[in-house]
mmCIF file of all heavy atoms, coordinates in Angstrom:
data_MODEL
# 
_entry.id   MODEL 
# 
loop_
_atom_site.group_PDB 
_atom_site.id 
_atom_site.type_symbol 
_atom_site.label_atom_id 
_atom_site.label_alt_id 
_atom_site.label_comp_id 
_atom_site.label_asym_id 
_atom_site.label_entity_id 
_atom_site.label_seq_id 
_atom_site.pdbx_PDB_ins_code 
_atom_site.Cartn_x 
_atom_site.Cartn_y 
_atom_site.Cartn_z 
_atom_site.occupancy 
_atom_site.B_iso_or_equiv 
_atom_site.pdbx_formal_charge 
_atom_site.auth_seq_id 
_atom_site.auth_comp_id 
_atom_site.auth_asym_id 
_atom_site.auth_atom_id 
_atom_site.pdbx_PDB_model_num 
ATOM 1   N N   . ILE A 1 1  ? 102.847 -149.061 93.726  1.00 0.00 ? 1  ILE A N   1 
ATOM 2   C CA  . ILE A 1 1  ? 102.431 -150.112 92.788  1.00 0.00 ? 1  ILE A CA  1 
ATOM 3   C C   . ILE A 1 1  ? 103.642 -150.797 92.189  1.00 0.00 ? 1  ILE A C   1 
ATOM 4   O O   . ILE A 1 1  ? 103.675 -152.021 92.049  1.00 0.00 ? 1  ILE A O   1 
ATOM 5   C CB  . ILE A 1 1  ? 101.537 -149.508 91.680  1.00 0.00 ? 1  ILE A CB  1 
ATOM 6   C CG1 . ILE A 1 1  ? 100.228 -148.991 92.269  1.00 0.00 ? 1  ILE A CG1 1 
ATOM 7   C CG2 . ILE A 1 1  ? 101.259 -150.547 90.585  1.00 0.00 ? 1  ILE A CG2 1 
ATOM 8   C CD1 . ILE A 1 1  ? 99.355  -148.261 91.267  1.00 0.00 ? 1  ILE A CD1 1 
ATOM 9   N N   . ASP A 1 2  ? 104.651 -150.008 91.835  1.00 0.00 ? 2  ASP A N   1 
ATOM 10  C CA  . ASP A 1 2  ? 105.842 -150.544 91.174  1.00 0.00 ? 2  ASP A CA  1 
ATOM 11  C C   . ASP A 1 2  ? 106.770 -151.270 92.132  1.00 0.00 ? 2  ASP A C   1 
ATOM 12  O O   . ASP A 1 2  ? 107.605 -152.068 91.701  1.00 0.00 ? 2  ASP A O   1 
ATOM 13  C CB  . ASP A 1 2  ? 106.610 -149.414 90.497  1.00 0.00 ? 2  ASP A CB  1 
ATOM 14  C CG  . ASP A 1 2  ? 106.752 -149.645 89.006  1.00 0.00 ? 2  ASP A CG  1 
ATOM 15  O OD1 . ASP A 1 2  ? 106.654 -150.807 88.581  1.00 0.00 ? 2  ASP A OD1 1 
ATOM 16  O OD2 . ASP A 1 2  ? 106.965 -148.664 88.261  1.00 0.00 ? 2  ASP A OD2 1 
ATOM 17  N N   . GLY A 1 3  ? 106.621 -151.000 93.427  1.00 0.00 ? 3  GLY A N   1 
ATOM 18  C CA  . GLY A 1 3  ? 107.550 -151.572 94.389  1.00 0.00 ? 3  GLY A CA  1 
ATOM 19  C C   . GLY A 1 3  ? 106.909 -152.521 95.392  1.00 0.00 ? 3  GLY A C   1 
ATOM 20  O O   . GLY A 1 3  ? 106.749 -153.714 95.109  1.00 0.00 ? 3  GLY A O   1 
ATOM 21  N N   . PRO A 1 4  ? 106.514 -152.019 96.570  1.00 0.00 ? 4  PRO A N   1 
ATOM 22  C CA  . PRO A 1 4  ? 106.015 -152.904 97.641  1.00 0.00 ? 4  PRO A CA  1 
ATOM 23  C C   . PRO A 1 4  ? 104.841 -153.779 97.236  1.00 0.00 ? 4  PRO A C   1 
ATOM 24  O O   . PRO A 1 4  ? 104.806 -154.961 97.588  1.00 0.00 ? 4  PRO A O   1 
ATOM 25  C CB  . PRO A 1 4  ? 105.597 -151.907 98.736  1.00 0.00 ? 4  PRO A CB  1 
ATOM 26  C CG  . PRO A 1 4  ? 106.432 -150.701 98.488  1.00 0.00 ? 4  PRO A CG  1 
ATOM 27  C CD  . PRO A 1 4  ? 106.602 -150.613 97.004  1.00 0.00 ? 4  PRO A CD  1 
ATOM 28  N N   . LEU A 1 5  ? 103.876 -153.231 96.512  1.00 0.00 ? 5  LEU A N   1 
ATOM 29  C CA  . LEU A 1 5  ? 102.708 -154.030 96.146  1.00 0.00 ? 5  LEU A CA  1 
ATOM 30  C C   . LEU A 1 5  ? 103.081 -155.146 95.181  1.00 0.00 ? 5  LEU A C   1 
ATOM 31  O O   . LEU A 1 5  ? 102.518 -156.236 95.248  1.00 0.00 ? 5  LEU A O   1 
ATOM 32  C CB  . LEU A 1 5  ? 101.628 -153.137 95.528  1.00 0.00 ? 5  LEU A CB  1 
ATOM 33  C CG  . LEU A 1 5  ? 100.289 -153.827 95.243  1.00 0.00 ? 5  LEU A CG  1 
ATOM 34  C CD1 . LEU A 1 5  ? 99.711  -154.444 96.504  1.00 0.00 ? 5  LEU A CD1 1 
ATOM 35  C CD2 . LEU A 1 5  ? 99.288  -152.850 94.618  1.00 0.00 ? 5  LEU A CD2 1 
ATOM 36  N N   . TRP A 1 6  ? 104.023 -154.887 94.286  1.00 0.00 ? 6  TRP A N   1 
ATOM 37  C CA  . TRP A 1 6  ? 104.487 -155.927 93.364  1.00 0.00 ? 6  TRP A CA  1 
ATOM 38  C C   . TRP A 1 6  ? 105.128 -157.086 94.129  1.00 0.00 ? 6  TRP A C   1 
ATOM 39  O O   . TRP A 1 6  ? 104.826 -158.247 93.885  1.00 0.00 ? 6  TRP A O   1 
ATOM 40  C CB  . TRP A 1 6  ? 105.466 -155.350 92.345  1.00 0.00 ? 6  TRP A CB  1 
ATOM 41  C CG  . TRP A 1 6  ? 106.314 -156.398 91.688  1.00 0.00 ? 6  TRP A CG  1 
ATOM 42  C CD1 . TRP A 1 6  ? 107.647 -156.611 91.856  1.00 0.00 ? 6  TRP A CD1 1 
ATOM 43  C CD2 . TRP A 1 6  ? 105.873 -157.420 90.778  1.00 0.00 ? 6  TRP A CD2 1 
ATOM 44  N NE1 . TRP A 1 6  ? 108.078 -157.686 91.117  1.00 0.00 ? 6  TRP A NE1 1 
ATOM 45  C CE2 . TRP A 1 6  ? 107.006 -158.202 90.438  1.00 0.00 ? 6  TRP A CE2 1 
ATOM 46  C CE3 . TRP A 1 6  ? 104.632 -157.738 90.222  1.00 0.00 ? 6  TRP A CE3 1 
ATOM 47  C CZ2 . TRP A 1 6  ? 106.930 -159.282 89.570  1.00 0.00 ? 6  TRP A CZ2 1 
ATOM 48  C CZ3 . TRP A 1 6  ? 104.558 -158.824 89.353  1.00 0.00 ? 6  TRP A CZ3 1 
ATOM 49  C CH2 . TRP A 1 6  ? 105.697 -159.583 89.035  1.00 0.00 ? 6  TRP A CH2 1 
ATOM 50  N N   . TYR A 1 7  ? 106.003 -156.765 95.078  1.00 0.00 ? 7  TYR A N   1 
ATOM 51  C CA  . TYR A 1 7  ? 106.678 -157.810 95.850  1.00 0.00 ? 7  TYR A CA  1 
ATOM 52  C C   . TYR A 1 7  ? 105.683 -158.550 96.739  1.00 0.00 ? 7  TYR A C   1 
ATOM 53  O O   . TYR A 1 7  ? 105.762 -159.786 96.882  1.00 0.00 ? 7  TYR A O   1 
ATOM 54  C CB  . TYR A 1 7  ? 107.814 -157.204 96.681  1.00 0.00 ? 7  TYR A CB  1 
ATOM 55  C CG  . TYR A 1 7  ? 108.939 -156.674 95.838  1.00 0.00 ? 7  TYR A CG  1 
ATOM 56  C CD1 . TYR A 1 7  ? 109.176 -155.307 95.744  1.00 0.00 ? 7  TYR A CD1 1 
ATOM 57  C CD2 . TYR A 1 7  ? 109.761 -157.530 95.111  1.00 0.00 ? 7  TYR A CD2 1 
ATOM 58  C CE1 . TYR A 1 7  ? 110.199 -154.811 94.950  1.00 0.00 ? 7  TYR A CE1 1 
ATOM 59  C CE2 . TYR A 1 7  ? 110.792 -157.046 94.319  1.00 0.00 ? 7  TYR A CE2 1 
ATOM 60  C CZ  . TYR A 1 7  ? 111.005 -155.684 94.239  1.00 0.00 ? 7  TYR A CZ  1 
ATOM 61  O OH  . TYR A 1 7  ? 112.019 -155.199 93.452  1.00 0.00 ? 7  TYR A OH  1 
ATOM 62  N N   . PHE A 1 8  ? 104.758 -157.813 97.348  1.00 0.00 ? 8  PHE A N   1 
ATOM 63  C CA  . PHE A 1 8  ? 103.757 -158.453 98.203  1.00 0.00 ? 8  PHE A CA  1 
ATOM 64  C C   . PHE A 1 8  ? 102.887 -159.420 97.401  1.00 0.00 ? 8  PHE A C   1 
ATOM 65  O O   . PHE A 1 8  ? 102.659 -160.569 97.816  1.00 0.00 ? 8  PHE A O   1 
ATOM 66  C CB  . PHE A 1 8  ? 102.883 -157.392 98.870  1.00 0.00 ? 8  PHE A CB  1 
ATOM 67  C CG  . PHE A 1 8  ? 101.734 -157.956 99.648  1.00 0.00 ? 8  PHE A CG  1 
ATOM 68  C CD1 . PHE A 1 8  ? 101.927 -158.550 100.885 1.00 0.00 ? 8  PHE A CD1 1 
ATOM 69  C CD2 . PHE A 1 8  ? 100.436 -157.910 99.138  1.00 0.00 ? 8  PHE A CD2 1 
ATOM 70  C CE1 . PHE A 1 8  ? 100.857 -159.084 101.602 1.00 0.00 ? 8  PHE A CE1 1 
ATOM 71  C CE2 . PHE A 1 8  ? 99.366  -158.433 99.842  1.00 0.00 ? 8  PHE A CE2 1 
ATOM 72  C CZ  . PHE A 1 8  ? 99.582  -159.028 101.077 1.00 0.00 ? 8  PHE A CZ  1 
ATOM 73  N N   . SER A 1 9  ? 102.389 -158.977 96.260  1.00 0.00 ? 9  SER A N   1 
ATOM 74  C CA  . SER A 1 9  ? 101.520 -159.832 95.444  1.00 0.00 ? 9  SER A CA  1 
ATOM 75  C C   . SER A 1 9  ? 102.277 -161.046 94.921  1.00 0.00 ? 9  SER A C   1 
ATOM 76  O O   . SER A 1 9  ? 101.720 -162.146 94.848  1.00 0.00 ? 9  SER A O   1 
ATOM 77  C CB  . SER A 1 9  ? 100.932 -159.032 94.277  1.00 0.00 ? 9  SER A CB  1 
ATOM 78  O OG  . SER A 1 9  ? 101.956 -158.530 93.428  1.00 0.00 ? 9  SER A OG  1 
ATOM 79  N N   . SER A 1 10 ? 103.545 -160.867 94.586  1.00 0.00 ? 10 SER A N   1 
ATOM 80  C CA  . SER A 1 10 ? 104.351 -161.996 94.102  1.00 0.00 ? 10 SER A CA  1 
ATOM 81  C C   . SER A 1 10 ? 104.550 -163.041 95.200  1.00 0.00 ? 10 SER A C   1 
ATOM 82  O O   . SER A 1 10 ? 104.461 -164.249 94.953  1.00 0.00 ? 10 SER A O   1 
ATOM 83  C CB  . SER A 1 10 ? 105.715 -161.501 93.604  1.00 0.00 ? 10 SER A CB  1 
ATOM 84  O OG  . SER A 1 10 ? 105.569 -160.587 92.542  1.00 0.00 ? 10 SER A OG  1 
ATOM 85  N N   . ILE A 1 11 ? 104.797 -162.566 96.426  1.00 0.00 ? 11 ILE A N   1 
ATOM 86  C CA  . ILE A 1 11 ? 104.981 -163.488 97.554  1.00 0.00 ? 11 ILE A CA  1 
ATOM 87  C C   . ILE A 1 11 ? 103.690 -164.233 97.854  1.00 0.00 ? 11 ILE A C   1 
ATOM 88  O O   . ILE A 1 11 ? 103.699 -165.451 98.078  1.00 0.00 ? 11 ILE A O   1 
ATOM 89  C CB  . ILE A 1 11 ? 105.477 -162.705 98.794  1.00 0.00 ? 11 ILE A CB  1 
ATOM 90  C CG1 . ILE A 1 11 ? 106.907 -162.197 98.561  1.00 0.00 ? 11 ILE A CG1 1 
ATOM 91  C CG2 . ILE A 1 11 ? 105.426 -163.592 100.034 1.00 0.00 ? 11 ILE A CG2 1 
ATOM 92  C CD1 . ILE A 1 11 ? 107.399 -161.256 99.649  1.00 0.00 ? 11 ILE A CD1 1 
ATOM 93  N N   . VAL A 1 12 ? 102.566 -163.513 97.862  1.00 0.00 ? 12 VAL A N   1 
ATOM 94  C CA  . VAL A 1 12 ? 101.271 -164.163 98.098  1.00 0.00 ? 12 VAL A CA  1 
ATOM 95  C C   . VAL A 1 12 ? 101.000 -165.206 97.032  1.00 0.00 ? 12 VAL A C   1 
ATOM 96  O O   . VAL A 1 12 ? 100.546 -166.323 97.329  1.00 0.00 ? 12 VAL A O   1 
ATOM 97  C CB  . VAL A 1 12 ? 100.131 -163.117 98.119  1.00 0.00 ? 12 VAL A CB  1 
ATOM 98  C CG1 . VAL A 1 12 ? 98.770  -163.820 98.155  1.00 0.00 ? 12 VAL A CG1 1 
ATOM 99  C CG2 . VAL A 1 12 ? 100.272 -162.203 99.317  1.00 0.00 ? 12 VAL A CG2 1 
ATOM 100 N N   . PHE A 1 13 ? 101.296 -164.878 95.789  1.00 0.00 ? 13 PHE A N   1 
ATOM 101 C CA  . PHE A 1 13 ? 101.076 -165.809 94.678  1.00 0.00 ? 13 PHE A CA  1 
ATOM 102 C C   . PHE A 1 13 ? 101.911 -167.075 94.858  1.00 0.00 ? 13 PHE A C   1 
ATOM 103 O O   . PHE A 1 13 ? 101.380 -168.201 94.801  1.00 0.00 ? 13 PHE A O   1 
ATOM 104 C CB  . PHE A 1 13 ? 101.427 -165.130 93.358  1.00 0.00 ? 13 PHE A CB  1 
ATOM 105 C CG  . PHE A 1 13 ? 101.391 -166.055 92.174  1.00 0.00 ? 13 PHE A CG  1 
ATOM 106 C CD1 . PHE A 1 13 ? 100.187 -166.413 91.585  1.00 0.00 ? 13 PHE A CD1 1 
ATOM 107 C CD2 . PHE A 1 13 ? 102.561 -166.570 91.642  1.00 0.00 ? 13 PHE A CD2 1 
ATOM 108 C CE1 . PHE A 1 13 ? 100.145 -167.277 90.491  1.00 0.00 ? 13 PHE A CE1 1 
ATOM 109 C CE2 . PHE A 1 13 ? 102.541 -167.424 90.548  1.00 0.00 ? 13 PHE A CE2 1 
ATOM 110 C CZ  . PHE A 1 13 ? 101.334 -167.778 89.971  1.00 0.00 ? 13 PHE A CZ  1 
ATOM 111 N N   . VAL A 1 14 ? 103.201 -166.918 95.086  1.00 0.00 ? 14 VAL A N   1 
ATOM 112 C CA  . VAL A 1 14 ? 104.096 -168.079 95.199  1.00 0.00 ? 14 VAL A CA  1 
ATOM 113 C C   . VAL A 1 14 ? 103.734 -168.931 96.409  1.00 0.00 ? 14 VAL A C   1 
ATOM 114 O O   . VAL A 1 14 ? 103.579 -170.157 96.300  1.00 0.00 ? 14 VAL A O   1 
ATOM 115 C CB  . VAL A 1 14 ? 105.565 -167.624 95.271  1.00 0.00 ? 14 VAL A CB  1 
ATOM 116 C CG1 . VAL A 1 14 ? 106.477 -168.815 95.575  1.00 0.00 ? 14 VAL A CG1 1 
ATOM 117 C CG2 . VAL A 1 14 ? 105.988 -166.970 93.957  1.00 0.00 ? 14 VAL A CG2 1 
ATOM 118 N N   . LEU A 1 15 ? 103.592 -168.295 97.573  1.00 0.00 ? 15 LEU A N   1 
ATOM 119 C CA  . LEU A 1 15 ? 103.279 -169.055 98.787  1.00 0.00 ? 15 LEU A CA  1 
ATOM 120 C C   . LEU A 1 15 ? 101.906 -169.702 98.691  1.00 0.00 ? 15 LEU A C   1 
ATOM 121 O O   . LEU A 1 15 ? 101.710 -170.846 99.139  1.00 0.00 ? 15 LEU A O   1 
ATOM 122 C CB  . LEU A 1 15 ? 103.346 -168.138 100.011 1.00 0.00 ? 15 LEU A CB  1 
ATOM 123 C CG  . LEU A 1 15 ? 104.721 -167.596 100.384 1.00 0.00 ? 15 LEU A CG  1 
ATOM 124 C CD1 . LEU A 1 15 ? 104.629 -166.727 101.632 1.00 0.00 ? 15 LEU A CD1 1 
ATOM 125 C CD2 . LEU A 1 15 ? 105.711 -168.751 100.608 1.00 0.00 ? 15 LEU A CD2 1 
ATOM 126 N N   . GLY A 1 16 ? 100.948 -168.987 98.097  1.00 0.00 ? 16 GLY A N   1 
ATOM 127 C CA  . GLY A 1 16 ? 99.600  -169.543 97.959  1.00 0.00 ? 16 GLY A CA  1 
ATOM 128 C C   . GLY A 1 16 ? 99.567  -170.746 97.048  1.00 0.00 ? 16 GLY A C   1 
ATOM 129 O O   . GLY A 1 16 ? 98.929  -171.760 97.357  1.00 0.00 ? 16 GLY A O   1 
ATOM 130 N N   . VAL A 1 17 ? 100.259 -170.664 95.923  1.00 0.00 ? 17 VAL A N   1 
ATOM 131 C CA  . VAL A 1 17 ? 100.308 -171.794 94.988  1.00 0.00 ? 17 VAL A CA  1 
ATOM 132 C C   . VAL A 1 17 ? 101.010 -172.986 95.624  1.00 0.00 ? 17 VAL A C   1 
ATOM 133 O O   . VAL A 1 17 ? 100.537 -174.132 95.528  1.00 0.00 ? 17 VAL A O   1 
ATOM 134 C CB  . VAL A 1 17 ? 101.016 -171.376 93.678  1.00 0.00 ? 17 VAL A CB  1 
ATOM 135 C CG1 . VAL A 1 17 ? 101.321 -172.599 92.817  1.00 0.00 ? 17 VAL A CG1 1 
ATOM 136 C CG2 . VAL A 1 17 ? 100.161 -170.387 92.898  1.00 0.00 ? 17 VAL A CG2 1 
ATOM 137 N N   . VAL A 1 18 ? 102.138 -172.727 96.286  1.00 0.00 ? 18 VAL A N   1 
ATOM 138 C CA  . VAL A 1 18 ? 102.868 -173.817 96.941  1.00 0.00 ? 18 VAL A CA  1 
ATOM 139 C C   . VAL A 1 18 ? 102.010 -174.472 98.014  1.00 0.00 ? 18 VAL A C   1 
ATOM 140 O O   . VAL A 1 18 ? 101.967 -175.707 98.136  1.00 0.00 ? 18 VAL A O   1 
ATOM 141 C CB  . VAL A 1 18 ? 104.184 -173.289 97.550  1.00 0.00 ? 18 VAL A CB  1 
ATOM 142 C CG1 . VAL A 1 18 ? 104.836 -174.353 98.430  1.00 0.00 ? 18 VAL A CG1 1 
ATOM 143 C CG2 . VAL A 1 18 ? 105.150 -172.876 96.447  1.00 0.00 ? 18 VAL A CG2 1 
ATOM 144 N N   . TYR A 1 19 ? 101.308 -173.661 98.805  1.00 0.00 ? 19 TYR A N   1 
ATOM 145 C CA  . TYR A 1 19 ? 100.442 -174.201 99.863  1.00 0.00 ? 19 TYR A CA  1 
ATOM 146 C C   . TYR A 1 19 ? 99.329  -175.054 99.280  1.00 0.00 ? 19 TYR A C   1 
ATOM 147 O O   . TYR A 1 19 ? 99.037  -176.149 99.789  1.00 0.00 ? 19 TYR A O   1 
ATOM 148 C CB  . TYR A 1 19 ? 99.855  -173.069 100.696 1.00 0.00 ? 19 TYR A CB  1 
ATOM 149 C CG  . TYR A 1 19 ? 98.823  -173.529 101.691 1.00 0.00 ? 19 TYR A CG  1 
ATOM 150 C CD1 . TYR A 1 19 ? 99.211  -174.170 102.870 1.00 0.00 ? 19 TYR A CD1 1 
ATOM 151 C CD2 . TYR A 1 19 ? 97.458  -173.363 101.446 1.00 0.00 ? 19 TYR A CD2 1 
ATOM 152 C CE1 . TYR A 1 19 ? 98.269  -174.620 103.779 1.00 0.00 ? 19 TYR A CE1 1 
ATOM 153 C CE2 . TYR A 1 19 ? 96.516  -173.803 102.350 1.00 0.00 ? 19 TYR A CE2 1 
ATOM 154 C CZ  . TYR A 1 19 ? 96.919  -174.431 103.515 1.00 0.00 ? 19 TYR A CZ  1 
ATOM 155 O OH  . TYR A 1 19 ? 95.972  -174.886 104.403 1.00 0.00 ? 19 TYR A OH  1 
ATOM 156 N N   . ARG A 1 20 ? 98.688  -174.590 98.223  1.00 0.00 ? 20 ARG A N   1 
ATOM 157 C CA  . ARG A 1 20 ? 97.594  -175.351 97.614  1.00 0.00 ? 20 ARG A CA  1 
ATOM 158 C C   . ARG A 1 20 ? 98.092  -176.685 97.062  1.00 0.00 ? 20 ARG A C   1 
ATOM 159 O O   . ARG A 1 20 ? 97.447  -177.727 97.221  1.00 0.00 ? 20 ARG A O   1 
ATOM 160 C CB  . ARG A 1 20 ? 96.941  -174.530 96.499  1.00 0.00 ? 20 ARG A CB  1 
ATOM 161 C CG  . ARG A 1 20 ? 96.139  -173.322 96.968  1.00 0.00 ? 20 ARG A CG  1 
ATOM 162 C CD  . ARG A 1 20 ? 94.838  -173.718 97.653  1.00 0.00 ? 20 ARG A CD  1 
ATOM 163 N NE  . ARG A 1 20 ? 93.990  -174.498 96.779  1.00 0.00 ? 20 ARG A NE  1 
ATOM 164 C CZ  . ARG A 1 20 ? 93.134  -173.989 95.894  1.00 0.00 ? 20 ARG A CZ  1 
ATOM 165 N NH1 . ARG A 1 20 ? 93.044  -172.655 95.748  1.00 0.00 ? 20 ARG A NH1 1 
ATOM 166 N NH2 . ARG A 1 20 ? 92.364  -174.765 95.157  1.00 0.00 ? 20 ARG A NH2 1 
ATOM 167 N N   . ILE A 1 21 ? 99.231  -176.664 96.409  1.00 0.00 ? 21 ILE A N   1 
ATOM 168 C CA  . ILE A 1 21 ? 99.794  -177.898 95.854  1.00 0.00 ? 21 ILE A CA  1 
ATOM 169 C C   . ILE A 1 21 ? 100.215 -178.839 96.975  1.00 0.00 ? 21 ILE A C   1 
ATOM 170 O O   . ILE A 1 21 ? 99.974  -180.052 96.916  1.00 0.00 ? 21 ILE A O   1 
ATOM 171 C CB  . ILE A 1 21 ? 100.981 -177.571 94.931  1.00 0.00 ? 21 ILE A CB  1 
ATOM 172 C CG1 . ILE A 1 21 ? 100.494 -176.831 93.682  1.00 0.00 ? 21 ILE A CG1 1 
ATOM 173 C CG2 . ILE A 1 21 ? 101.721 -178.851 94.528  1.00 0.00 ? 21 ILE A CG2 1 
ATOM 174 C CD1 . ILE A 1 21 ? 101.609 -176.392 92.766  1.00 0.00 ? 21 ILE A CD1 1 
ATOM 175 N N   . PHE A 1 22 ? 100.844 -178.282 98.027  1.00 0.00 ? 22 PHE A N   1 
ATOM 176 C CA  . PHE A 1 22 ? 101.258 -179.098 99.174  1.00 0.00 ? 22 PHE A CA  1 
ATOM 177 C C   . PHE A 1 22 ? 100.041 -179.732 99.847  1.00 0.00 ? 22 PHE A C   1 
ATOM 178 O O   . PHE A 1 22 ? 100.092 -180.896 100.269 1.00 0.00 ? 22 PHE A O   1 
ATOM 179 C CB  . PHE A 1 22 ? 102.026 -178.234 100.174 1.00 0.00 ? 22 PHE A CB  1 
ATOM 180 C CG  . PHE A 1 22 ? 102.442 -178.968 101.414 1.00 0.00 ? 22 PHE A CG  1 
ATOM 181 C CD1 . PHE A 1 22 ? 103.502 -179.863 101.389 1.00 0.00 ? 22 PHE A CD1 1 
ATOM 182 C CD2 . PHE A 1 22 ? 101.766 -178.762 102.611 1.00 0.00 ? 22 PHE A CD2 1 
ATOM 183 C CE1 . PHE A 1 22 ? 103.882 -180.548 102.534 1.00 0.00 ? 22 PHE A CE1 1 
ATOM 184 C CE2 . PHE A 1 22 ? 102.134 -179.434 103.757 1.00 0.00 ? 22 PHE A CE2 1 
ATOM 185 C CZ  . PHE A 1 22 ? 103.196 -180.334 103.724 1.00 0.00 ? 22 PHE A CZ  1 
ATOM 186 N N   . SER A 1 23 ? 98.936  -178.987 99.939  1.00 0.00 ? 23 SER A N   1 
ATOM 187 C CA  . SER A 1 23 ? 97.717  -179.524 100.554 1.00 0.00 ? 23 SER A CA  1 
ATOM 188 C C   . SER A 1 23 ? 97.174  -180.702 99.759  1.00 0.00 ? 23 SER A C   1 
ATOM 189 O O   . SER A 1 23 ? 96.696  -181.690 100.340 1.00 0.00 ? 23 SER A O   1 
ATOM 190 C CB  . SER A 1 23 ? 96.652  -178.421 100.651 1.00 0.00 ? 23 SER A CB  1 
ATOM 191 O OG  . SER A 1 23 ? 97.090  -177.356 101.448 1.00 0.00 ? 23 SER A OG  1 
ATOM 192 N N   . ILE A 1 24 ? 97.263  -180.607 98.438  1.00 0.00 ? 24 ILE A N   1 
ATOM 193 C CA  . ILE A 1 24 ? 96.791  -181.707 97.601  1.00 0.00 ? 24 ILE A CA  1 
ATOM 194 C C   . ILE A 1 24 ? 97.660  -182.941 97.805  1.00 0.00 ? 24 ILE A C   1 
ATOM 195 O O   . ILE A 1 24 ? 97.161  -184.047 97.980  1.00 0.00 ? 24 ILE A O   1 
ATOM 196 C CB  . ILE A 1 24 ? 96.807  -181.285 96.116  1.00 0.00 ? 24 ILE A CB  1 
ATOM 197 C CG1 . ILE A 1 24 ? 95.756  -180.199 95.871  1.00 0.00 ? 24 ILE A CG1 1 
ATOM 198 C CG2 . ILE A 1 24 ? 96.537  -182.489 95.210  1.00 0.00 ? 24 ILE A CG2 1 
ATOM 199 C CD1 . ILE A 1 24 ? 95.812  -179.613 94.474  1.00 0.00 ? 24 ILE A CD1 1 
ATOM 200 N N   . MET A 1 25 ? 98.968  -182.741 97.801  1.00 0.00 ? 25 MET A N   1 
ATOM 201 C CA  . MET A 1 25 ? 99.887  -183.878 97.932  1.00 0.00 ? 25 MET A CA  1 
ATOM 202 C C   . MET A 1 25 ? 99.834  -184.485 99.335  1.00 0.00 ? 25 MET A C   1 
ATOM 203 O O   . MET A 1 25 ? 100.031 -185.691 99.509  1.00 0.00 ? 25 MET A O   1 
ATOM 204 C CB  . MET A 1 25 ? 101.306 -183.428 97.602  1.00 0.00 ? 25 MET A CB  1 
ATOM 205 C CG  . MET A 1 25 ? 101.467 -182.912 96.178  1.00 0.00 ? 25 MET A CG  1 
ATOM 206 S SD  . MET A 1 25 ? 103.150 -182.413 95.777  1.00 0.00 ? 25 MET A SD  1 
ATOM 207 C CE  . MET A 1 25 ? 103.984 -183.999 95.803  1.00 0.00 ? 25 MET A CE  1 
ATOM 208 N N   . LYS A 1 26 ? 99.549  -183.650 100.326 1.00 0.00 ? 26 LYS A N   1 
ATOM 209 C CA  . LYS A 1 26 ? 99.508  -184.123 101.701 1.00 0.00 ? 26 LYS A CA  1 
ATOM 210 C C   . LYS A 1 26 ? 98.240  -184.909 102.011 1.00 0.00 ? 26 LYS A C   1 
ATOM 211 O O   . LYS A 1 26 ? 98.205  -185.706 102.961 1.00 0.00 ? 26 LYS A O   1 
ATOM 212 C CB  . LYS A 1 26 ? 99.624  -182.929 102.659 1.00 0.00 ? 26 LYS A CB  1 
ATOM 213 C CG  . LYS A 1 26 ? 99.768  -183.321 104.116 1.00 0.00 ? 26 LYS A CG  1 
ATOM 214 C CD  . LYS A 1 26 ? 99.851  -182.085 104.998 1.00 0.00 ? 26 LYS A CD  1 
ATOM 215 C CE  . LYS A 1 26 ? 99.931  -182.484 106.474 1.00 0.00 ? 26 LYS A CE  1 
ATOM 216 N NZ  . LYS A 1 26 ? 99.980  -181.282 107.365 1.00 0.00 ? 26 LYS A NZ  1 
ATOM 217 N N   . SER A 1 27 ? 97.197  -184.691 101.219 1.00 0.00 ? 27 SER A N   1 
ATOM 218 C CA  . SER A 1 27 ? 95.913  -185.340 101.502 1.00 0.00 ? 27 SER A CA  1 
ATOM 219 C C   . SER A 1 27 ? 96.017  -186.852 101.467 1.00 0.00 ? 27 SER A C   1 
ATOM 220 O O   . SER A 1 27 ? 95.287  -187.553 102.159 1.00 0.00 ? 27 SER A O   1 
ATOM 221 C CB  . SER A 1 27 ? 94.853  -184.870 100.506 1.00 0.00 ? 27 SER A CB  1 
ATOM 222 O OG  . SER A 1 27 ? 95.220  -185.204 99.188  1.00 0.00 ? 27 SER A OG  1 
# 
């Protein structure tokens, strides 16, 4: 929980937010 899952969830959060914003701007 303190290590791999924290880094994994942080990466999913950042990439997911960037992708959603990019999709809006690309539309």
